[in-house]
């Protein structure tokens, strides 16, 4: 009897899937088969949490959960009914390109005042101004993993002053040192731009609080393409309202940001609606990941990007 694999992309559209499993398409609607027969569940992308987790309690034969997101903080908290021994794998590498592009876009748009020019265009008003360039700026990347490294790839041609790399633990890379989190208080005052690319964990939740923001230099820009709860929203509002800092946010807390929330109209804040991952770069990279992971699964080889094992 073959094992079922539930895919959020029609299997006939994915080239190179290994033979053996029974591939079924599930993107959050009706169940395509008996959840108890599902061995590998690829979680639908960009669906509400209740949609993504709805079949889990009935997947008694489940062996692997594969997300199409780099962060798994939401779904990892909803695995109480999943059998022990199930591997949860994230999509490390799938979103590096798209998210790094957006980090660069937000940084450049904020520094060069693009939101103001867009508003001026709507009013048919020609008004130039002198704005800071990215050139010669010191940029601190907090969360120097795959996405953080991809961000530096895109920053490299911009004649920066320095790149300050920070991760949970320090190490040395071909580009230079990655500093541990313990050095963050010393490094923050040196940065003109701080880009958040860290996963949401107990350690990083609320990491960017009033004390963190107070250490940033006057006029610095905070860019968040990580997760909203990494930043204390009230503390950030206090700083941007004073005009001391500016911010570009692809993620917020709360999210989605409700109508009337003060972040919408806060001075010096550029907001995009969590669009770091969804771009034309997503689909081909997601398909390559699925083909690789499912080939490993069929051949009984170790899976990549295992975040946790349930019951362990």
C-alpha atoms as a PDB file:
ATOM      1  CA  UNK A   1       0.000   0.000   0.000  1.00  0.00           C
ATOM      2  CA  UNK A   2       1.474   3.360  -1.039  1.00  0.00           C
ATOM      3  CA  UNK A   3       1.778   6.259   1.362  1.00  0.00           C
ATOM      4  CA  UNK A   4      -0.100   9.489   0.720  1.00  0.00           C
ATOM      5  CA  UNK A   5       1.720  12.782   0.311  1.00  0.00           C
ATOM      6  CA  UNK A   6      -0.419  15.917   0.524  1.00  0.00           C
ATOM      7  CA  UNK A   7       0.941  18.750  -1.600  1.00  0.00           C
ATOM      8  CA  UNK A   8      -0.295  22.373  -1.822  1.00  0.00           C
ATOM      9  CA  UNK A   9       0.860  22.490  -5.457  1.00  0.00           C
ATOM     10  CA  UNK A  10      -0.830  20.211  -8.011  1.00  0.00           C
ATOM     11  CA  UNK A  11       1.567  17.256  -8.251  1.00  0.00           C
ATOM     12  CA  UNK A  12       1.326  17.117 -12.037  1.00  0.00           C
ATOM     13  CA  UNK A  13       2.875  20.599 -12.115  1.00  0.00           C
ATOM     14  CA  UNK A  14       5.996  19.568 -10.168  1.00  0.00           C
ATOM     15  CA  UNK A  15       8.671  18.056 -12.369  1.00  0.00           C
ATOM     16  CA  UNK A  16      10.849  15.312 -10.921  1.00  0.00           C
ATOM     17  CA  UNK A  17       8.706  13.985  -8.082  1.00  0.00           C
ATOM     18  CA  UNK A  18       9.919  10.489  -7.194  1.00  0.00           C
ATOM     19  CA  UNK A  19       7.724   7.502  -7.936  1.00  0.00           C
ATOM     20  CA  UNK A  20       6.148   5.557  -5.105  1.00  0.00           C
ATOM     21  CA  UNK A  21       3.946   7.815  -2.979  1.00  0.00           C
ATOM     22  CA  UNK A  22       0.348   8.641  -3.814  1.00  0.00           C
ATOM     23  CA  UNK A  23       0.413  12.394  -4.382  1.00  0.00           C
ATOM     24  CA  UNK A  24      -2.726  14.341  -3.476  1.00  0.00           C
ATOM     25  CA  UNK A  25      -3.412  18.062  -3.869  1.00  0.00           C
ATOM     26  CA  UNK A  26      -4.521  19.916  -0.742  1.00  0.00           C
ATOM     27  CA  UNK A  27      -4.514  23.694  -0.537  1.00  0.00           C
ATOM     28  CA  UNK A  28      -6.856  24.126   2.423  1.00  0.00           C
ATOM     29  CA  UNK A  29     -10.194  23.024   0.945  1.00  0.00           C
ATOM     30  CA  UNK A  30     -11.793  19.600   1.102  1.00  0.00           C
ATOM     31  CA  UNK A  31      -9.558  16.777   2.240  1.00  0.00           C
ATOM     32  CA  UNK A  32      -8.267  14.911  -0.847  1.00  0.00           C
ATOM     33  CA  UNK A  33      -8.199  11.579   0.988  1.00  0.00           C
ATOM     34  CA  UNK A  34      -8.237  10.039   4.440  1.00  0.00           C
ATOM     35  CA  UNK A  35      -5.890  12.096   6.640  1.00  0.00           C
ATOM     36  CA  UNK A  36      -4.950   8.882   8.474  1.00  0.00           C
ATOM     37  CA  UNK A  37      -3.194   7.672   5.303  1.00  0.00           C
ATOM     38  CA  UNK A  38      -1.045  10.808   4.959  1.00  0.00           C
ATOM     39  CA  UNK A  39       2.644  10.171   5.628  1.00  0.00           C
ATOM     40  CA  UNK A  40       4.019  13.519   4.441  1.00  0.00           C
ATOM     41  CA  UNK A  41       2.044  16.727   4.871  1.00  0.00           C
ATOM     42  CA  UNK A  42       3.321  19.766   2.994  1.00  0.00           C
ATOM     43  CA  UNK A  43       1.597  22.677   4.706  1.00  0.00           C
ATOM     44  CA  UNK A  44      -0.374  25.036   2.434  1.00  0.00           C
ATOM     45  CA  UNK A  45       1.376  28.365   1.976  1.00  0.00           C
ATOM     46  CA  UNK A  46      -0.116  31.712   3.035  1.00  0.00           C
ATOM     47  CA  UNK A  47      -3.256  30.200   4.546  1.00  0.00           C
ATOM     48  CA  UNK A  48      -4.681  30.986   8.019  1.00  0.00           C
ATOM     49  CA  UNK A  49      -3.241  28.855  10.813  1.00  0.00           C
ATOM     50  CA  UNK A  50      -6.562  27.117  11.426  1.00  0.00           C
ATOM     51  CA  UNK A  51      -6.647  26.028   7.781  1.00  0.00           C
ATOM     52  CA  UNK A  52      -3.080  24.745   7.827  1.00  0.00           C
ATOM     53  CA  UNK A  53      -3.513  22.790  11.048  1.00  0.00           C
ATOM     54  CA  UNK A  54      -7.054  21.472  10.426  1.00  0.00           C
ATOM     55  CA  UNK A  55      -6.044  17.977   9.240  1.00  0.00           C
ATOM     56  CA  UNK A  56      -3.240  17.403  11.750  1.00  0.00           C
ATOM     57  CA  UNK A  57      -5.362  15.853  14.506  1.00  0.00           C
ATOM     58  CA  UNK A  58      -6.551  13.128  12.094  1.00  0.00           C
ATOM     59  CA  UNK A  59      -3.158  12.304  10.574  1.00  0.00           C
ATOM     60  CA  UNK A  60      -2.428   9.242  12.693  1.00  0.00           C
ATOM     61  CA  UNK A  61       0.113   7.858  10.201  1.00  0.00           C
ATOM     62  CA  UNK A  62       2.017  11.080   9.751  1.00  0.00           C
ATOM     63  CA  UNK A  63       5.802  10.930   9.553  1.00  0.00           C
ATOM     64  CA  UNK A  64       6.853  14.324   8.131  1.00  0.00           C
ATOM     65  CA  UNK A  65       5.481  17.859   8.176  1.00  0.00           C
ATOM     66  CA  UNK A  66       7.148  20.091   5.595  1.00  0.00           C
ATOM     67  CA  UNK A  67       6.428  23.806   5.734  1.00  0.00           C
ATOM     68  CA  UNK A  68       6.989  26.193   2.865  1.00  0.00           C
ATOM     69  CA  UNK A  69       8.032  28.937   5.275  1.00  0.00           C
ATOM     70  CA  UNK A  70      11.388  29.572   6.897  1.00  0.00           C
ATOM     71  CA  UNK A  71       9.745  30.357  10.252  1.00  0.00           C
ATOM     72  CA  UNK A  72       7.743  27.642  11.987  1.00  0.00           C
ATOM     73  CA  UNK A  73       6.906  29.463  15.215  1.00  0.00           C
ATOM     74  CA  UNK A  74       3.155  29.368  14.559  1.00  0.00           C
ATOM     75  CA  UNK A  75       2.717  25.778  13.458  1.00  0.00           C
ATOM     76  CA  UNK A  76       5.193  24.378  15.998  1.00  0.00           C
ATOM     77  CA  UNK A  77       2.800  25.506  18.716  1.00  0.00           C
ATOM     78  CA  UNK A  78      -0.098  23.559  17.180  1.00  0.00           C
ATOM     79  CA  UNK A  79       1.325  20.045  17.161  1.00  0.00           C
ATOM     80  CA  UNK A  80      -0.295  18.741  20.338  1.00  0.00           C
ATOM     81  CA  UNK A  81      -2.386  16.118  18.499  1.00  0.00           C
ATOM     82  CA  UNK A  82       0.406  14.949  16.189  1.00  0.00           C
ATOM     83  CA  UNK A  83       1.891  11.490  16.877  1.00  0.00           C
ATOM     84  CA  UNK A  84       5.323  11.239  18.443  1.00  0.00           C
ATOM     85  CA  UNK A  85       8.303  10.955  16.152  1.00  0.00           C
ATOM     86  CA  UNK A  86       7.022  13.230  13.382  1.00  0.00           C
ATOM     87  CA  UNK A  87       9.725  15.393  11.781  1.00  0.00           C
ATOM     88  CA  UNK A  88       8.955  19.084  11.296  1.00  0.00           C
ATOM     89  CA  UNK A  89      11.035  20.578   8.471  1.00  0.00           C
ATOM     90  CA  UNK A  90      11.192  24.211   7.439  1.00  0.00           C
ATOM     91  CA  UNK A  91      11.848  25.736   4.018  1.00  0.00           C
ATOM     92  CA  UNK A  92      15.310  27.081   4.650  1.00  0.00           C
ATOM     93  CA  UNK A  93      16.639  28.561   1.426  1.00  0.00           C
ATOM     94  CA  UNK A  94      13.309  28.893  -0.380  1.00  0.00           C
ATOM     95  CA  UNK A  95      12.725  32.506   0.650  1.00  0.00           C
ATOM     96  CA  UNK A  96      16.298  33.797   0.786  1.00  0.00           C
ATOM     97  CA  UNK A  97      16.194  35.459  -2.630  1.00  0.00           C
ATOM     98  CA  UNK A  98      12.788  37.082  -2.363  1.00  0.00           C
ATOM     99  CA  UNK A  99      13.101  38.210   1.252  1.00  0.00           C
ATOM    100  CA  UNK A 100      16.596  39.615   0.734  1.00  0.00           C
ATOM    101  CA  UNK A 101      15.306  41.583  -2.263  1.00  0.00           C
ATOM    102  CA  UNK A 102      12.565  43.100  -0.138  1.00  0.00           C
ATOM    103  CA  UNK A 103      14.992  43.946   2.676  1.00  0.00           C
ATOM    104  CA  UNK A 104      17.096  45.880   0.169  1.00  0.00           C
ATOM    105  CA  UNK A 105      13.986  47.486  -1.370  1.00  0.00           C
ATOM    106  CA  UNK A 106      12.680  48.678   1.998  1.00  0.00           C
ATOM    107  CA  UNK A 107      16.086  50.013   2.986  1.00  0.00           C
ATOM    108  CA  UNK A 108      16.581  51.983  -0.225  1.00  0.00           C
ATOM    109  CA  UNK A 109      12.968  53.218  -0.375  1.00  0.00           C
ATOM    110  CA  UNK A 110      13.111  54.489   3.191  1.00  0.00           C
ATOM    111  CA  UNK A 111      16.511  56.145   2.942  1.00  0.00           C
ATOM    112  CA  UNK A 112      15.748  57.816  -0.394  1.00  0.00           C
ATOM    113  CA  UNK A 113      12.256  58.969   0.642  1.00  0.00           C
ATOM    114  CA  UNK A 114      10.288  57.034  -1.972  1.00  0.00           C
ATOM    115  CA  UNK A 115       7.003  57.011   0.022  1.00  0.00           C
ATOM    116  CA  UNK A 116       7.036  60.820   0.090  1.00  0.00           C
ATOM    117  CA  UNK A 117       7.694  60.999  -3.646  1.00  0.00           C
ATOM    118  CA  UNK A 118       4.801  58.618  -4.314  1.00  0.00           C
ATOM    119  CA  UNK A 119       2.478  60.864  -2.312  1.00  0.00           C
ATOM    120  CA  UNK A 120       3.804  63.898  -4.176  1.00  0.00           C
ATOM    121  CA  UNK A 121       3.151  62.175  -7.502  1.00  0.00           C
ATOM    122  CA  UNK A 122      -0.469  61.516  -6.486  1.00  0.00           C
ATOM    123  CA  UNK A 123      -0.780  65.250  -5.806  1.00  0.00           C
ATOM    124  CA  UNK A 124       1.050  66.160  -9.059  1.00  0.00           C
ATOM    125  CA  UNK A 125       3.592  68.026  -6.962  1.00  0.00           C
ATOM    126  CA  UNK A 126       7.249  68.288  -8.060  1.00  0.00           C
ATOM    127  CA  UNK A 127       9.326  68.625  -4.919  1.00  0.00           C
ATOM    128  CA  UNK A 128      12.890  67.420  -4.586  1.00  0.00           C
ATOM    129  CA  UNK A 129      14.861  66.992  -1.406  1.00  0.00           C
ATOM    130  CA  UNK A 130      18.265  65.901  -0.189  1.00  0.00           C
ATOM    131  CA  UNK A 131      18.162  62.345   1.170  1.00  0.00           C
ATOM    132  CA  UNK A 132      20.686  59.923   2.688  1.00  0.00           C
ATOM    133  CA  UNK A 133      22.233  57.311   0.389  1.00  0.00           C
ATOM    134  CA  UNK A 134      22.926  53.720   1.333  1.00  0.00           C
ATOM    135  CA  UNK A 135      26.545  54.299   0.310  1.00  0.00           C
ATOM    136  CA  UNK A 136      28.917  54.840   3.247  1.00  0.00           C
ATOM    137  CA  UNK A 137      26.333  53.632   5.790  1.00  0.00           C
ATOM    138  CA  UNK A 138      27.032  51.013   8.431  1.00  0.00           C
ATOM    139  CA  UNK A 139      24.451  48.222   8.243  1.00  0.00           C
ATOM    140  CA  UNK A 140      23.849  45.759  11.078  1.00  0.00           C
ATOM    141  CA  UNK A 141      22.194  42.461  10.115  1.00  0.00           C
ATOM    142  CA  UNK A 142      20.625  40.821  13.164  1.00  0.00           C
ATOM    143  CA  UNK A 143      20.037  37.153  12.416  1.00  0.00           C
ATOM    144  CA  UNK A 144      22.917  36.147  10.175  1.00  0.00           C
ATOM    145  CA  UNK A 145      21.631  32.861   8.793  1.00  0.00           C
ATOM    146  CA  UNK A 146      20.749  31.994   5.203  1.00  0.00           C
ATOM    147  CA  UNK A 147      18.527  35.047   4.724  1.00  0.00           C
ATOM    148  CA  UNK A 148      20.936  37.362   6.524  1.00  0.00           C
ATOM    149  CA  UNK A 149      23.754  36.175   4.281  1.00  0.00           C
ATOM    150  CA  UNK A 150      21.562  36.672   1.190  1.00  0.00           C
ATOM    151  CA  UNK A 151      20.869  40.223   2.341  1.00  0.00           C
ATOM    152  CA  UNK A 152      24.580  40.948   2.535  1.00  0.00           C
ATOM    153  CA  UNK A 153      24.981  39.531  -0.990  1.00  0.00           C
ATOM    154  CA  UNK A 154      22.637  42.239  -2.234  1.00  0.00           C
ATOM    155  CA  UNK A 155      24.177  44.986  -0.120  1.00  0.00           C
ATOM    156  CA  UNK A 156      27.692  44.270  -1.361  1.00  0.00           C
ATOM    157  CA  UNK A 157      27.641  46.536  -4.471  1.00  0.00           C
ATOM    158  CA  UNK A 158      26.402  49.594  -2.560  1.00  0.00           C
ATOM    159  CA  UNK A 159      29.738  50.857  -1.210  1.00  0.00           C
ATOM    160  CA  UNK A 160      28.763  50.461   2.425  1.00  0.00           C
ATOM    161  CA  UNK A 161      30.864  51.660   5.289  1.00  0.00           C
ATOM    162  CA  UNK A 162      30.699  48.414   7.284  1.00  0.00           C
ATOM    163  CA  UNK A 163      28.471  45.366   7.639  1.00  0.00           C
ATOM    164  CA  UNK A 164      28.001  44.267  11.240  1.00  0.00           C
ATOM    165  CA  UNK A 165      26.799  40.654  11.435  1.00  0.00           C
ATOM    166  CA  UNK A 166      25.055  39.375  14.558  1.00  0.00           C
ATOM    167  CA  UNK A 167      23.709  35.908  15.349  1.00  0.00           C
ATOM    168  CA  UNK A 168      22.911  33.869  18.438  1.00  0.00           C
ATOM    169  CA  UNK A 169      26.509  32.668  18.616  1.00  0.00           C
ATOM    170  CA  UNK A 170      29.650  34.112  17.107  1.00  0.00           C
ATOM    171  CA  UNK A 171      31.649  32.582  14.268  1.00  0.00           C
ATOM    172  CA  UNK A 172      33.920  33.525  11.403  1.00  0.00           C
ATOM    173  CA  UNK A 173      32.795  33.521   7.767  1.00  0.00           C
ATOM    174  CA  UNK A 174      34.556  34.249   4.479  1.00  0.00           C
ATOM    175  CA  UNK A 175      33.136  37.779   4.675  1.00  0.00           C
ATOM    176  CA  UNK A 176      34.245  38.403   8.232  1.00  0.00           C
ATOM    177  CA  UNK A 177      33.191  37.940  11.825  1.00  0.00           C
ATOM    178  CA  UNK A 178      29.668  37.169  12.963  1.00  0.00           C
ATOM    179  CA  UNK A 179      29.236  38.641  16.431  1.00  0.00           C
ATOM    180  CA  UNK A 180      27.261  36.912  19.196  1.00  0.00           C
ATOM    181  CA  UNK A 181      24.111  38.494  20.597  1.00  0.00           C
ATOM    182  CA  UNK A 182      26.015  39.455  23.726  1.00  0.00           C
ATOM    183  CA  UNK A 183      27.899  42.070  21.684  1.00  0.00           C
ATOM    184  CA  UNK A 184      24.731  43.701  20.356  1.00  0.00           C
ATOM    185  CA  UNK A 185      24.645  46.565  22.900  1.00  0.00           C
ATOM    186  CA  UNK A 186      28.148  47.593  21.820  1.00  0.00           C
ATOM    187  CA  UNK A 187      27.411  47.352  18.085  1.00  0.00           C
ATOM    188  CA  UNK A 188      24.012  49.054  17.885  1.00  0.00           C
ATOM    189  CA  UNK A 189      25.317  52.635  18.287  1.00  0.00           C
ATOM    190  CA  UNK A 190      27.581  52.094  15.256  1.00  0.00           C
ATOM    191  CA  UNK A 191      24.768  51.169  12.841  1.00  0.00           C
ATOM    192  CA  UNK A 192      22.952  53.558  10.507  1.00  0.00           C
ATOM    193  CA  UNK A 193      20.624  50.755   9.390  1.00  0.00           C
ATOM    194  CA  UNK A 194      19.559  47.738  11.457  1.00  0.00           C
ATOM    195  CA  UNK A 195      17.977  44.883   9.484  1.00  0.00           C
ATOM    196  CA  UNK A 196      16.135  42.228  11.484  1.00  0.00           C
ATOM    197  CA  UNK A 197      16.282  38.756   9.919  1.00  0.00           C
ATOM    198  CA  UNK A 198      16.129  36.613  13.029  1.00  0.00           C
ATOM    199  CA  UNK A 199      13.614  33.803  13.615  1.00  0.00           C
ATOM    200  CA  UNK A 200      11.003  34.276  16.312  1.00  0.00           C
ATOM    201  CA  UNK A 201      12.034  32.311  19.399  1.00  0.00           C
ATOM    202  CA  UNK A 202      11.668  32.763  23.140  1.00  0.00           C
ATOM    203  CA  UNK A 203      15.047  34.499  23.019  1.00  0.00           C
ATOM    204  CA  UNK A 204      14.131  36.949  20.255  1.00  0.00           C
ATOM    205  CA  UNK A 205      10.531  37.734  21.183  1.00  0.00           C
ATOM    206  CA  UNK A 206      10.543  41.381  22.262  1.00  0.00           C
ATOM    207  CA  UNK A 207      14.295  41.608  21.684  1.00  0.00           C
ATOM    208  CA  UNK A 208      13.906  45.015  20.037  1.00  0.00           C
ATOM    209  CA  UNK A 209      12.574  46.787  23.101  1.00  0.00           C
ATOM    210  CA  UNK A 210      12.930  50.312  24.437  1.00  0.00           C
ATOM    211  CA  UNK A 211      16.502  49.670  25.606  1.00  0.00           C
ATOM    212  CA  UNK A 212      17.502  48.224  22.222  1.00  0.00           C
ATOM    213  CA  UNK A 213      16.002  51.162  20.330  1.00  0.00           C
ATOM    214  CA  UNK A 214      17.582  53.680  22.701  1.00  0.00           C
ATOM    215  CA  UNK A 215      21.021  52.335  21.777  1.00  0.00           C
ATOM    216  CA  UNK A 216      20.433  52.974  18.070  1.00  0.00           C
ATOM    217  CA  UNK A 217      22.001  56.197  16.828  1.00  0.00           C
ATOM    218  CA  UNK A 218      19.895  59.258  16.084  1.00  0.00           C
ATOM    219  CA  UNK A 219      18.460  59.092  12.577  1.00  0.00           C
ATOM    220  CA  UNK A 220      18.971  55.326  12.219  1.00  0.00           C
ATOM    221  CA  UNK A 221      16.605  53.116  10.227  1.00  0.00           C
ATOM    222  CA  UNK A 222      15.094  49.867  11.564  1.00  0.00           C
ATOM    223  CA  UNK A 223      14.076  47.320   8.896  1.00  0.00           C
ATOM    224  CA  UNK A 224      12.051  44.290  10.012  1.00  0.00           C
ATOM    225  CA  UNK A 225      11.642  41.382   7.592  1.00  0.00           C
ATOM    226  CA  UNK A 226      11.734  38.823  10.434  1.00  0.00           C
ATOM    227  CA  UNK A 227       8.611  38.515  12.591  1.00  0.00           C
ATOM    228  CA  UNK A 228       6.476  41.249  14.129  1.00  0.00           C
ATOM    229  CA  UNK A 229       6.797  40.178  17.796  1.00  0.00           C
ATOM    230  CA  UNK A 230      10.585  40.558  17.632  1.00  0.00           C
ATOM    231  CA  UNK A 231       9.850  44.298  18.026  1.00  0.00           C
ATOM    232  CA  UNK A 232       8.040  45.986  20.903  1.00  0.00           C
ATOM    233  CA  UNK A 233       5.500  48.014  18.927  1.00  0.00           C
ATOM    234  CA  UNK A 234       4.834  50.583  21.640  1.00  0.00           C
ATOM    235  CA  UNK A 235       8.543  51.239  22.096  1.00  0.00           C
ATOM    236  CA  UNK A 236       8.990  51.660  18.349  1.00  0.00           C
ATOM    237  CA  UNK A 237       6.030  54.034  18.119  1.00  0.00           C
ATOM    238  CA  UNK A 238       7.584  56.198  20.808  1.00  0.00           C
ATOM    239  CA  UNK A 239      10.852  56.497  18.872  1.00  0.00           C
ATOM    240  CA  UNK A 240       9.366  57.188  15.427  1.00  0.00           C
ATOM    241  CA  UNK A 241       6.877  59.709  16.797  1.00  0.00           C
ATOM    242  CA  UNK A 242       9.771  61.643  18.288  1.00  0.00           C
ATOM    243  CA  UNK A 243      11.463  61.630  14.888  1.00  0.00           C
ATOM    244  CA  UNK A 244      14.642  60.099  16.285  1.00  0.00           C
ATOM    245  CA  UNK A 245      14.317  56.822  14.337  1.00  0.00           C
ATOM    246  CA  UNK A 246      12.603  55.673  11.156  1.00  0.00           C
ATOM    247  CA  UNK A 247      11.337  52.185  10.316  1.00  0.00           C
ATOM    248  CA  UNK A 248      10.455  49.955   7.375  1.00  0.00           C
ATOM    249  CA  UNK A 249       8.294  46.998   8.377  1.00  0.00           C
ATOM    250  CA  UNK A 250       7.221  43.979   6.361  1.00  0.00           C
ATOM    251  CA  UNK A 251       5.932  42.370   9.558  1.00  0.00           C
ATOM    252  CA  UNK A 252       4.117  43.912  12.497  1.00  0.00           C
ATOM    253  CA  UNK A 253       2.705  43.107  15.897  1.00  0.00           C
ATOM    254  CA  UNK A 254      -0.256  42.759  15.690  1.00  0.00           C
ATOM    255  CA  UNK A 255      -0.502  41.178  12.253  1.00  0.00           C
ATOM    256  CA  UNK A 256      -2.366  41.777  10.095  1.00  0.00           C
ATOM    257  CA  UNK A 257      -2.240  45.385  11.188  1.00  0.00           C
ATOM    258  CA  UNK A 258      -5.848  46.438  11.854  1.00  0.00           C
ATOM    259  CA  UNK A 259      -7.409  49.633  10.477  1.00  0.00           C
ATOM    260  CA  UNK A 260      -6.858  52.567  12.788  1.00  0.00           C
ATOM    261  CA  UNK A 261      -3.667  51.177  14.331  1.00  0.00           C
ATOM    262  CA  UNK A 262      -1.214  54.040  15.036  1.00  0.00           C
ATOM    263  CA  UNK A 263       1.587  52.371  13.046  1.00  0.00           C
ATOM    264  CA  UNK A 264      -0.285  53.078   9.814  1.00  0.00           C
ATOM    265  CA  UNK A 265       0.181  56.831  10.138  1.00  0.00           C
ATOM    266  CA  UNK A 266       3.303  56.970  12.269  1.00  0.00           C
ATOM    267  CA  UNK A 267       5.862  59.413  10.826  1.00  0.00           C
ATOM    268  CA  UNK A 268       8.842  57.877   9.082  1.00  0.00           C
ATOM    269  CA  UNK A 269       7.323  54.386   8.880  1.00  0.00           C
ATOM    270  CA  UNK A 270       7.031  52.395   5.646  1.00  0.00           C
ATOM    271  CA  UNK A 271       4.820  49.276   5.850  1.00  0.00           C
ATOM    272  CA  UNK A 272       4.442  46.340   3.469  1.00  0.00           C
ATOM    273  CA  UNK A 273       1.940  43.541   4.277  1.00  0.00           C
ATOM    274  CA  UNK A 274       4.282  40.582   4.964  1.00  0.00           C
ATOM    275  CA  UNK A 275       5.271  40.092   1.337  1.00  0.00           C
ATOM    276  CA  UNK A 276       8.913  39.116   1.825  1.00  0.00           C
ATOM    277  CA  UNK A 277       8.358  35.565   0.592  1.00  0.00           C
ATOM    278  CA  UNK A 278       5.537  35.621  -1.959  1.00  0.00           C
ATOM    279  CA  UNK A 279       7.078  36.559  -5.282  1.00  0.00           C
ATOM    280  CA  UNK A 280       7.810  34.838  -8.579  1.00  0.00           C
ATOM    281  CA  UNK A 281      10.998  33.516  -6.963  1.00  0.00           C
ATOM    282  CA  UNK A 282       9.003  31.359  -4.536  1.00  0.00           C
ATOM    283  CA  UNK A 283       7.476  28.663  -6.718  1.00  0.00           C
ATOM    284  CA  UNK A 284      10.579  27.258  -8.491  1.00  0.00           C
ATOM    285  CA  UNK A 285      12.546  27.168  -5.236  1.00  0.00           C
ATOM    286  CA  UNK A 286       9.681  25.547  -3.350  1.00  0.00           C
ATOM    287  CA  UNK A 287       9.361  22.882  -6.033  1.00  0.00           C
ATOM    288  CA  UNK A 288      13.091  22.119  -5.930  1.00  0.00           C
ATOM    289  CA  UNK A 289      12.900  21.735  -2.149  1.00  0.00           C
ATOM    290  CA  UNK A 290       9.923  19.364  -2.367  1.00  0.00           C
ATOM    291  CA  UNK A 291      11.527  17.179  -5.023  1.00  0.00           C
ATOM    292  CA  UNK A 292      14.710  16.929  -2.960  1.00  0.00           C
ATOM    293  CA  UNK A 293      12.936  16.205   0.334  1.00  0.00           C
ATOM    294  CA  UNK A 294      10.535  13.647  -1.156  1.00  0.00           C
ATOM    295  CA  UNK A 295      13.367  11.899  -2.981  1.00  0.00           C
ATOM    296  CA  UNK A 296      15.152  11.618   0.343  1.00  0.00           C
ATOM    297  CA  UNK A 297      11.971  10.351   1.991  1.00  0.00           C
ATOM    298  CA  UNK A 298      11.381   7.666  -0.651  1.00  0.00           C
ATOM    299  CA  UNK A 299      15.013   6.556  -0.490  1.00  0.00           C
ATOM    300  CA  UNK A 300      15.018   6.520   3.334  1.00  0.00           C
ATOM    301  CA  UNK A 301      17.724   9.169   3.450  1.00  0.00           C
ATOM    302  CA  UNK A 302      17.986  11.879   6.140  1.00  0.00           C
ATOM    303  CA  UNK A 303      15.732  14.834   5.469  1.00  0.00           C
ATOM    304  CA  UNK A 304      17.076  18.369   5.387  1.00  0.00           C
ATOM    305  CA  UNK A 305      16.063  21.308   7.561  1.00  0.00           C
ATOM    306  CA  UNK A 306      14.612  19.279  10.436  1.00  0.00           C
ATOM    307  CA  UNK A 307      13.566  21.775  13.116  1.00  0.00           C
ATOM    308  CA  UNK A 308      12.135  19.390  15.693  1.00  0.00           C
ATOM    309  CA  UNK A 309      10.809  15.880  16.262  1.00  0.00           C
ATOM    310  CA  UNK A 310       7.469  15.647  18.053  1.00  0.00           C
ATOM    311  CA  UNK A 311       7.587  13.935  21.412  1.00  0.00           C
ATOM    312  CA  UNK A 312      11.364  14.273  21.600  1.00  0.00           C
END
